[in-house]
Amino acid sequence: MRDTGIRNALLTAFSTDEFRPDIGALWENWVVAEAAKRNALAGSPAELFFWRTRTQSEVDMVVRQGSKLRAFEVKWSPGRVSGRAFRDAYGVEVEVIRPDNPFATDIFKTPLSA
């Protein structure tokens, strides 16, 4: 989903209620769109991916800069995020982006993992 305004217009869903059923999806879309925009404005130094296994383990956003990887789960609600499948596969911890810390961590900083 790229333009949530058009989506909301088609659904006539303009509520700003934090408990609306699609708030998590809207939040995730905004974070990924902002990351893509920042990446483009910086000259696209990173590649952005979504990651999912055949068993449906997933990571919302993977950022690759050269041989370095960082992984992010985008969550509206508090709760535990495992990221175990990604960590086991790539040796990279999954970071969490929440409404109280959007971009508290610079997504495009030099990652720690090789």
Protein backbone atom coordinates (compact mmCIF):
# COMPACT_ATOMS: atom_id res chain seq x y z
CA MET A 1 0.00 0.00 0.00
CA ARG A 2 1.59 3.29 -1.03
CA ASP A 3 -1.03 5.99 -0.67
CA THR A 4 -3.04 5.51 2.50
CA GLY A 5 -5.07 8.64 1.75
CA ILE A 6 -6.54 7.08 -1.39
CA ARG A 7 -7.04 3.80 0.45
CA ASN A 8 -8.87 5.53 3.29
CA ALA A 9 -10.99 7.55 0.83
CA LEU A 10 -12.08 4.38 -0.95
CA LEU A 11 -12.99 2.83 2.41
CA THR A 12 -14.33 6.11 3.85
CA ALA A 13 -12.13 5.37 6.85
CA PHE A 14 -10.81 8.67 8.17
CA SER A 15 -10.89 7.93 11.88
CA THR A 16 -7.80 8.95 13.80
CA ASP A 17 -8.76 6.57 16.59
CA GLU A 18 -5.68 4.69 17.78
CA PHE A 19 -7.88 1.60 18.22
CA ARG A 20 -9.08 1.40 14.62
CA PRO A 21 -8.58 -2.18 13.39
CA ASP A 22 -6.07 -1.26 10.67
CA ILE A 23 -3.88 1.10 12.71
CA GLY A 24 -1.00 -1.39 12.84
CA ALA A 25 -0.95 -1.81 9.06
CA LEU A 26 -1.15 1.96 8.54
CA TRP A 27 1.70 2.52 11.00
CA GLU A 28 3.86 -0.12 9.31
CA ASN A 29 3.15 1.40 5.90
CA TRP A 30 4.12 4.89 7.13
CA VAL A 31 7.40 3.69 8.67
CA VAL A 32 8.44 1.74 5.58
CA ALA A 33 7.46 4.64 3.29
CA GLU A 34 9.49 7.08 5.41
CA ALA A 35 12.48 4.76 5.38
CA ALA A 36 12.24 4.42 1.58
CA LYS A 37 11.94 8.20 1.22
CA ARG A 38 14.96 8.85 3.45
CA ASN A 39 16.92 6.25 1.54
CA ALA A 40 16.01 7.83 -1.81
CA LEU A 41 16.92 11.32 -0.56
CA ALA A 42 20.29 9.98 0.57
CA GLY A 43 20.97 8.64 -2.93
CA SER A 44 19.72 5.10 -2.21
CA PRO A 45 22.74 3.80 -0.30
CA ALA A 46 20.74 0.86 1.07
CA GLU A 47 18.51 -1.89 -0.27
CA LEU A 48 15.20 -2.40 1.55
CA PHE A 49 13.49 -5.77 1.74
CA PHE A 50 10.63 -7.63 3.39
CA TRP A 51 11.58 -11.11 4.65
CA ARG A 52 9.37 -14.18 5.16
CA THR A 53 10.06 -17.89 5.49
CA ARG A 54 7.96 -20.73 4.14
CA THR A 55 6.69 -21.23 7.70
CA GLN A 56 5.49 -17.57 7.79
CA SER A 57 8.15 -16.14 10.12
CA GLU A 58 8.68 -12.60 8.92
CA VAL A 59 10.55 -9.34 9.36
CA ASP A 60 8.88 -6.13 8.22
CA MET A 61 11.99 -4.41 6.90
CA VAL A 62 15.52 -5.58 6.20
CA VAL A 63 18.10 -2.95 5.33
CA ARG A 64 21.21 -4.06 3.46
CA GLN A 65 24.14 -1.71 2.96
CA GLY A 66 26.92 -3.56 1.20
CA SER A 67 27.43 -6.74 3.21
CA LYS A 68 25.85 -5.29 6.37
CA LEU A 69 22.29 -6.18 7.45
CA ARG A 70 19.82 -4.69 9.90
CA ALA A 71 16.32 -6.01 10.52
CA PHE A 72 13.24 -4.21 11.88
CA GLU A 73 9.79 -5.16 13.09
CA VAL A 74 7.29 -2.31 12.99
CA LYS A 75 4.74 -2.61 15.78
CA TRP A 76 1.93 -0.30 16.86
CA SER A 77 1.19 -2.20 20.06
CA PRO A 78 3.54 -3.20 22.82
CA GLY A 79 4.42 -6.83 23.01
CA ARG A 80 7.23 -9.25 22.51
CA VAL A 81 8.91 -9.57 19.14
CA SER A 82 10.89 -12.74 18.63
CA GLY A 83 12.83 -12.41 15.41
CA ARG A 84 14.39 -15.77 16.23
CA ALA A 85 14.10 -17.18 12.70
CA PHE A 86 15.89 -14.19 11.18
CA ARG A 87 18.53 -14.16 13.93
CA ASP A 88 19.14 -17.88 13.44
CA ALA A 89 19.40 -17.50 9.67
CA TYR A 90 21.57 -14.36 9.52
CA GLY A 91 23.00 -13.74 12.99
CA VAL A 92 21.27 -10.35 13.17
CA GLU A 93 19.04 -9.17 16.02
CA VAL A 94 15.67 -7.77 14.98
CA GLU A 95 15.11 -4.22 16.21
CA VAL A 96 11.63 -2.87 16.97
CA ILE A 97 10.17 0.43 15.79
CA ARG A 98 7.14 1.59 17.79
CA PRO A 99 5.10 4.81 17.87
CA ASP A 100 6.99 5.99 20.94
CA ASN A 101 10.37 5.57 19.19
CA PRO A 102 9.96 6.15 15.44
CA PHE A 103 13.45 6.45 14.08
CA ALA A 104 14.93 6.64 17.56
CA THR A 105 17.52 4.44 15.92
CA ASP A 106 18.84 5.73 12.62
CA ILE A 107 17.83 2.95 10.25
CA PHE A 108 20.69 3.77 7.92
CA LYS A 109 23.50 4.02 10.47
CA THR A 110 26.41 1.68 10.05
CA PRO A 111 25.12 -1.70 11.22
CA LEU A 112 26.99 -3.86 13.68
CA SER A 113 26.58 -7.15 11.86
CA ALA A 114 28.72 -8.24 8.96
